[in-house]
C-alpha atoms as a PDB file:
ATOM      1  CA  UNK A   1       0.000   0.000   0.000  1.00  0.00           C
ATOM      2  CA  UNK A   2       2.782   2.407   0.783  1.00  0.00           C
ATOM      3  CA  UNK A   3       4.402   1.758  -2.596  1.00  0.00           C
ATOM      4  CA  UNK A   4       1.285   3.071  -4.390  1.00  0.00           C
ATOM      5  CA  UNK A   5       1.468   6.312  -2.420  1.00  0.00           C
ATOM      6  CA  UNK A   6       5.170   6.579  -3.115  1.00  0.00           C
ATOM      7  CA  UNK A   7       4.609   6.064  -6.846  1.00  0.00           C
ATOM      8  CA  UNK A   8       1.842   8.674  -6.828  1.00  0.00           C
ATOM      9  CA  UNK A   9       4.119  11.134  -5.027  1.00  0.00           C
ATOM     10  CA  UNK A  10       6.832  10.617  -7.614  1.00  0.00           C
ATOM     11  CA  UNK A  11       4.361  11.039 -10.497  1.00  0.00           C
ATOM     12  CA  UNK A  12       3.053  14.268  -9.013  1.00  0.00           C
ATOM     13  CA  UNK A  13       6.527  15.661  -8.397  1.00  0.00           C
ATOM     14  CA  UNK A  14       7.773  14.788 -11.903  1.00  0.00           C
ATOM     15  CA  UNK A  15       8.072  17.614 -14.438  1.00  0.00           C
ATOM     16  CA  UNK A  16       5.309  18.119 -17.042  1.00  0.00           C
ATOM     17  CA  UNK A  17       5.671  15.453 -19.722  1.00  0.00           C
ATOM     18  CA  UNK A  18       6.878  16.549 -23.139  1.00  0.00           C
ATOM     19  CA  UNK A  19       3.598  15.471 -24.801  1.00  0.00           C
ATOM     20  CA  UNK A  20       1.626  17.809 -22.527  1.00  0.00           C
ATOM     21  CA  UNK A  21       3.943  20.722 -23.379  1.00  0.00           C
ATOM     22  CA  UNK A  22       3.542  19.934 -27.085  1.00  0.00           C
ATOM     23  CA  UNK A  23      -0.266  19.975 -26.697  1.00  0.00           C
ATOM     24  CA  UNK A  24      -0.038  23.347 -24.966  1.00  0.00           C
ATOM     25  CA  UNK A  25       2.057  24.707 -27.850  1.00  0.00           C
ATOM     26  CA  UNK A  26      -0.474  23.308 -30.340  1.00  0.00           C
ATOM     27  CA  UNK A  27      -3.311  24.973 -28.449  1.00  0.00           C
ATOM     28  CA  UNK A  28      -1.439  28.270 -28.501  1.00  0.00           C
ATOM     29  CA  UNK A  29      -0.933  27.943 -32.263  1.00  0.00           C
ATOM     30  CA  UNK A  30      -4.657  27.247 -32.716  1.00  0.00           C
ATOM     31  CA  UNK A  31      -5.561  30.295 -30.625  1.00  0.00           C
ATOM     32  CA  UNK A  32      -3.206  32.467 -32.657  1.00  0.00           C
ATOM     33  CA  UNK A  33      -4.694  31.015 -35.856  1.00  0.00           C
ATOM     34  CA  UNK A  34      -8.229  31.860 -34.672  1.00  0.00           C
ATOM     35  CA  UNK A  35      -7.113  35.381 -33.712  1.00  0.00           C
ATOM     36  CA  UNK A  36      -5.482  35.770 -37.131  1.00  0.00           C
ATOM     37  CA  UNK A  37      -8.703  34.635 -38.812  1.00  0.00           C
ATOM     38  CA  UNK A  38     -10.673  37.147 -36.725  1.00  0.00           C
ATOM     39  CA  UNK A  39      -8.299  39.970 -37.651  1.00  0.00           C
ATOM     40  CA  UNK A  40      -8.307  39.049 -41.359  1.00  0.00           C
ATOM     41  CA  UNK A  41     -12.113  38.915 -41.273  1.00  0.00           C
ATOM     42  CA  UNK A  42     -12.050  42.371 -39.672  1.00  0.00           C
ATOM     43  CA  UNK A  43      -9.879  43.718 -42.488  1.00  0.00           C
ATOM     44  CA  UNK A  44     -12.428  42.397 -45.013  1.00  0.00           C
ATOM     45  CA  UNK A  45     -15.192  44.170 -43.090  1.00  0.00           C
ATOM     46  CA  UNK A  46     -13.071  47.323 -43.012  1.00  0.00           C
ATOM     47  CA  UNK A  47     -12.796  47.351 -46.816  1.00  0.00           C
ATOM     48  CA  UNK A  48     -16.543  46.772 -47.044  1.00  0.00           C
ATOM     49  CA  UNK A  49     -17.201  49.598 -44.566  1.00  0.00           C
ATOM     50  CA  UNK A  50     -15.026  52.019 -46.555  1.00  0.00           C
ATOM     51  CA  UNK A  51     -17.100  51.235 -49.631  1.00  0.00           C
ATOM     52  CA  UNK A  52     -20.319  51.820 -47.681  1.00  0.00           C
ATOM     53  CA  UNK A  53     -19.160  55.316 -46.682  1.00  0.00           C
ATOM     54  CA  UNK A  54     -18.894  56.316 -50.357  1.00  0.00           C
ATOM     55  CA  UNK A  55     -21.497  58.919 -51.442  1.00  0.00           C
ATOM     56  CA  UNK A  56     -22.647  56.694 -54.326  1.00  0.00           C
ATOM     57  CA  UNK A  57     -23.770  53.956 -51.913  1.00  0.00           C
ATOM     58  CA  UNK A  58     -25.705  56.412 -49.816  1.00  0.00           C
ATOM     59  CA  UNK A  59     -27.278  58.046 -52.882  1.00  0.00           C
ATOM     60  CA  UNK A  60     -28.341  54.709 -54.388  1.00  0.00           C
ATOM     61  CA  UNK A  61     -29.493  52.889 -51.246  1.00  0.00           C
ATOM     62  CA  UNK A  62     -33.209  52.974 -52.171  1.00  0.00           C
ATOM     63  CA  UNK A  63     -32.463  51.656 -55.656  1.00  0.00           C
ATOM     64  CA  UNK A  64     -30.340  48.848 -54.204  1.00  0.00           C
ATOM     65  CA  UNK A  65     -33.187  47.679 -51.966  1.00  0.00           C
ATOM     66  CA  UNK A  66     -35.745  48.026 -54.781  1.00  0.00           C
ATOM     67  CA  UNK A  67     -33.627  46.131 -57.309  1.00  0.00           C
ATOM     68  CA  UNK A  68     -33.342  43.103 -55.036  1.00  0.00           C
ATOM     69  CA  UNK A  69     -37.118  42.570 -55.281  1.00  0.00           C
ATOM     70  CA  UNK A  70     -36.917  42.090 -59.055  1.00  0.00           C
ATOM     71  CA  UNK A  71     -37.420  38.483 -60.078  1.00  0.00           C
ATOM     72  CA  UNK A  72     -38.051  37.159 -56.580  1.00  0.00           C
ATOM     73  CA  UNK A  73     -40.746  34.496 -56.096  1.00  0.00           C
ATOM     74  CA  UNK A  74     -44.263  35.734 -55.342  1.00  0.00           C
ATOM     75  CA  UNK A  75     -44.362  34.314 -51.818  1.00  0.00           C
ATOM     76  CA  UNK A  76     -41.477  36.649 -50.871  1.00  0.00           C
ATOM     77  CA  UNK A  77     -42.950  39.802 -52.426  1.00  0.00           C
ATOM     78  CA  UNK A  78     -44.427  40.921 -49.088  1.00  0.00           C
ATOM     79  CA  UNK A  79     -40.940  40.845 -47.502  1.00  0.00           C
ATOM     80  CA  UNK A  80     -39.315  43.007 -50.150  1.00  0.00           C
ATOM     81  CA  UNK A  81     -42.315  45.347 -50.353  1.00  0.00           C
ATOM     82  CA  UNK A  82     -42.114  45.817 -46.584  1.00  0.00           C
ATOM     83  CA  UNK A  83     -38.458  46.838 -46.791  1.00  0.00           C
ATOM     84  CA  UNK A  84     -39.083  49.179 -49.708  1.00  0.00           C
ATOM     85  CA  UNK A  85     -41.769  50.938 -47.641  1.00  0.00           C
ATOM     86  CA  UNK A  86     -39.482  51.101 -44.576  1.00  0.00           C
ATOM     87  CA  UNK A  87     -36.534  52.489 -46.544  1.00  0.00           C
ATOM     88  CA  UNK A  88     -38.567  54.881 -48.714  1.00  0.00           C
ATOM     89  CA  UNK A  89     -37.730  58.420 -47.614  1.00  0.00           C
ATOM     90  CA  UNK A  90     -35.257  57.147 -45.024  1.00  0.00           C
ATOM     91  CA  UNK A  91     -32.543  55.805 -47.314  1.00  0.00           C
ATOM     92  CA  UNK A  92     -29.787  58.144 -46.035  1.00  0.00           C
ATOM     93  CA  UNK A  93     -30.446  57.031 -42.454  1.00  0.00           C
ATOM     94  CA  UNK A  94     -30.311  53.339 -43.404  1.00  0.00           C
ATOM     95  CA  UNK A  95     -27.184  53.890 -45.503  1.00  0.00           C
ATOM     96  CA  UNK A  96     -25.413  55.533 -42.558  1.00  0.00           C
ATOM     97  CA  UNK A  97     -26.632  52.799 -40.174  1.00  0.00           C
ATOM     98  CA  UNK A  98     -25.282  50.186 -42.586  1.00  0.00           C
ATOM     99  CA  UNK A  99     -21.907  51.931 -42.864  1.00  0.00           C
ATOM    100  CA  UNK A 100     -21.722  52.456 -39.094  1.00  0.00           C
ATOM    101  CA  UNK A 101     -22.538  48.813 -38.334  1.00  0.00           C
ATOM    102  CA  UNK A 102     -19.909  47.573 -40.756  1.00  0.00           C
ATOM    103  CA  UNK A 103     -17.346  50.013 -39.372  1.00  0.00           C
ATOM    104  CA  UNK A 104     -18.062  48.803 -35.834  1.00  0.00           C
ATOM    105  CA  UNK A 105     -17.755  45.164 -36.916  1.00  0.00           C
ATOM    106  CA  UNK A 106     -14.448  45.886 -38.656  1.00  0.00           C
ATOM    107  CA  UNK A 107     -12.798  47.646 -35.732  1.00  0.00           C
ATOM    108  CA  UNK A 108     -14.231  45.270 -33.117  1.00  0.00           C
ATOM    109  CA  UNK A 109     -12.976  42.240 -35.059  1.00  0.00           C
ATOM    110  CA  UNK A 110      -9.517  43.704 -35.589  1.00  0.00           C
ATOM    111  CA  UNK A 111      -9.141  44.753 -31.953  1.00  0.00           C
ATOM    112  CA  UNK A 112     -10.962  41.786 -30.435  1.00  0.00           C
ATOM    113  CA  UNK A 113     -13.401  44.101 -28.653  1.00  0.00           C
ATOM    114  CA  UNK A 114     -16.586  42.803 -26.950  1.00  0.00           C
ATOM    115  CA  UNK A 115     -16.229  39.566 -28.883  1.00  0.00           C
ATOM    116  CA  UNK A 116     -19.384  37.755 -27.744  1.00  0.00           C
ATOM    117  CA  UNK A 117     -21.524  40.849 -28.386  1.00  0.00           C
ATOM    118  CA  UNK A 118     -19.755  41.596 -31.682  1.00  0.00           C
ATOM    119  CA  UNK A 119     -20.162  38.049 -33.004  1.00  0.00           C
ATOM    120  CA  UNK A 120     -23.841  38.051 -32.078  1.00  0.00           C
ATOM    121  CA  UNK A 121     -24.369  41.378 -33.847  1.00  0.00           C
ATOM    122  CA  UNK A 122     -22.403  40.035 -36.821  1.00  0.00           C
ATOM    123  CA  UNK A 123     -24.598  36.937 -37.072  1.00  0.00           C
ATOM    124  CA  UNK A 124     -27.796  38.995 -36.964  1.00  0.00           C
ATOM    125  CA  UNK A 125     -26.480  41.657 -39.342  1.00  0.00           C
ATOM    126  CA  UNK A 126     -25.246  39.042 -41.830  1.00  0.00           C
ATOM    127  CA  UNK A 127     -28.657  37.355 -41.834  1.00  0.00           C
ATOM    128  CA  UNK A 128     -30.344  40.732 -42.254  1.00  0.00           C
ATOM    129  CA  UNK A 129     -28.147  41.670 -45.219  1.00  0.00           C
ATOM    130  CA  UNK A 130     -28.642  38.226 -46.734  1.00  0.00           C
ATOM    131  CA  UNK A 131     -32.425  38.431 -46.417  1.00  0.00           C
ATOM    132  CA  UNK A 132     -32.876  42.060 -47.516  1.00  0.00           C
ATOM    133  CA  UNK A 133     -29.953  43.353 -49.578  1.00  0.00           C
ATOM    134  CA  UNK A 134     -29.042  40.008 -51.145  1.00  0.00           C
ATOM    135  CA  UNK A 135     -32.602  38.740 -51.479  1.00  0.00           C
ATOM    136  CA  UNK A 136     -31.792  35.433 -49.793  1.00  0.00           C
ATOM    137  CA  UNK A 137     -29.180  34.974 -52.513  1.00  0.00           C
ATOM    138  CA  UNK A 138     -31.906  34.764 -55.168  1.00  0.00           C
ATOM    139  CA  UNK A 139     -33.763  34.877 -57.333  1.00  0.00           C
ATOM    140  CA  UNK A 140     -33.029  31.218 -57.829  1.00  0.00           C
ATOM    141  CA  UNK A 141     -33.388  30.573 -61.532  1.00  0.00           C
ATOM    142  CA  UNK A 142     -32.090  27.262 -62.874  1.00  0.00           C
ATOM    143  CA  UNK A 143     -29.046  27.817 -65.041  1.00  0.00           C
ATOM    144  CA  UNK A 144     -28.494  31.458 -64.062  1.00  0.00           C
ATOM    145  CA  UNK A 145     -28.213  31.500 -60.259  1.00  0.00           C
ATOM    146  CA  UNK A 146     -24.803  30.320 -59.095  1.00  0.00           C
ATOM    147  CA  UNK A 147     -24.454  31.919 -55.656  1.00  0.00           C
ATOM    148  CA  UNK A 148     -26.377  31.832 -52.385  1.00  0.00           C
ATOM    149  CA  UNK A 149     -25.008  35.216 -51.322  1.00  0.00           C
ATOM    150  CA  UNK A 150     -21.982  36.146 -49.252  1.00  0.00           C
ATOM    151  CA  UNK A 151     -23.743  37.450 -46.142  1.00  0.00           C
ATOM    152  CA  UNK A 152     -24.994  34.012 -45.096  1.00  0.00           C
ATOM    153  CA  UNK A 153     -21.380  32.841 -45.126  1.00  0.00           C
ATOM    154  CA  UNK A 154     -20.392  35.880 -43.054  1.00  0.00           C
ATOM    155  CA  UNK A 155     -22.995  34.841 -40.469  1.00  0.00           C
ATOM    156  CA  UNK A 156     -21.524  31.351 -40.361  1.00  0.00           C
ATOM    157  CA  UNK A 157     -18.004  32.725 -39.847  1.00  0.00           C
ATOM    158  CA  UNK A 158     -19.273  34.913 -36.990  1.00  0.00           C
ATOM    159  CA  UNK A 159     -20.997  31.863 -35.502  1.00  0.00           C
ATOM    160  CA  UNK A 160     -17.782  29.810 -35.760  1.00  0.00           C
ATOM    161  CA  UNK A 161     -15.830  32.612 -34.073  1.00  0.00           C
ATOM    162  CA  UNK A 162     -18.448  32.746 -31.329  1.00  0.00           C
ATOM    163  CA  UNK A 163     -17.880  29.043 -30.700  1.00  0.00           C
ATOM    164  CA  UNK A 164     -14.065  28.877 -30.824  1.00  0.00           C
ATOM    165  CA  UNK A 165     -12.521  32.298 -30.131  1.00  0.00           C
ATOM    166  CA  UNK A 166     -10.460  31.976 -26.970  1.00  0.00           C
ATOM    167  CA  UNK A 167      -9.596  35.657 -26.721  1.00  0.00           C
ATOM    168  CA  UNK A 168      -5.916  35.626 -27.505  1.00  0.00           C
ATOM    169  CA  UNK A 169      -4.588  38.812 -29.030  1.00  0.00           C
ATOM    170  CA  UNK A 170      -7.649  40.864 -28.050  1.00  0.00           C
ATOM    171  CA  UNK A 171      -8.288  44.106 -26.255  1.00  0.00           C
ATOM    172  CA  UNK A 172     -10.970  42.233 -24.273  1.00  0.00           C
ATOM    173  CA  UNK A 173      -8.250  40.377 -22.424  1.00  0.00           C
ATOM    174  CA  UNK A 174      -6.744  43.667 -21.252  1.00  0.00           C
ATOM    175  CA  UNK A 175     -10.107  45.141 -20.262  1.00  0.00           C
ATOM    176  CA  UNK A 176     -11.165  41.977 -18.375  1.00  0.00           C
ATOM    177  CA  UNK A 177      -7.949  42.087 -16.350  1.00  0.00           C
ATOM    178  CA  UNK A 178      -9.039  45.466 -14.930  1.00  0.00           C
ATOM    179  CA  UNK A 179     -12.827  45.034 -15.042  1.00  0.00           C
ATOM    180  CA  UNK A 180     -13.794  41.406 -14.281  1.00  0.00           C
ATOM    181  CA  UNK A 181     -17.477  42.004 -15.190  1.00  0.00           C
ATOM    182  CA  UNK A 182     -16.319  42.609 -18.784  1.00  0.00           C
ATOM    183  CA  UNK A 183     -16.028  38.811 -19.186  1.00  0.00           C
ATOM    184  CA  UNK A 184     -19.818  38.599 -19.540  1.00  0.00           C
ATOM    185  CA  UNK A 185     -19.593  40.653 -22.741  1.00  0.00           C
ATOM    186  CA  UNK A 186     -16.518  38.974 -24.138  1.00  0.00           C
ATOM    187  CA  UNK A 187     -17.558  35.364 -23.834  1.00  0.00           C
END
């Protein structure tokens, strides 16, 4: 009986096995890879945000929303009509809200700011853009439609980040060190 305790004591006192250190290094590489993906995704959103701040986008916002309704199936006409009514006369406000949202997403992704909140907003915004501005990726016409739309993929990337982002290389880590309640926002 004493030999078992002695063996346990030796195992506990032994240095961390090499395999465990290698796993830790692999985990660090994965966290850096996820952070790099987040930052690269933020740069893509930054380019998109810059384009949304262009006067031509803001001037043509109503036409963009109206053109999406063309060729859509009849059962979706109510959805696109609703958004045309909502945007009509308020296009500059919606254009600025769009540009502001994309600017926020870009900077928050690059900095790693309020990650849980940002990813949730990104999922919702991507679905909104996909359903309104991209017309659910349609109209789906055999032989002519070859894309389901990019915004649905953006939502999936945000969802994946929400599931796996460990917070390395983020401003959230610095904020949470000083304000522990910040962890509720960061995930």
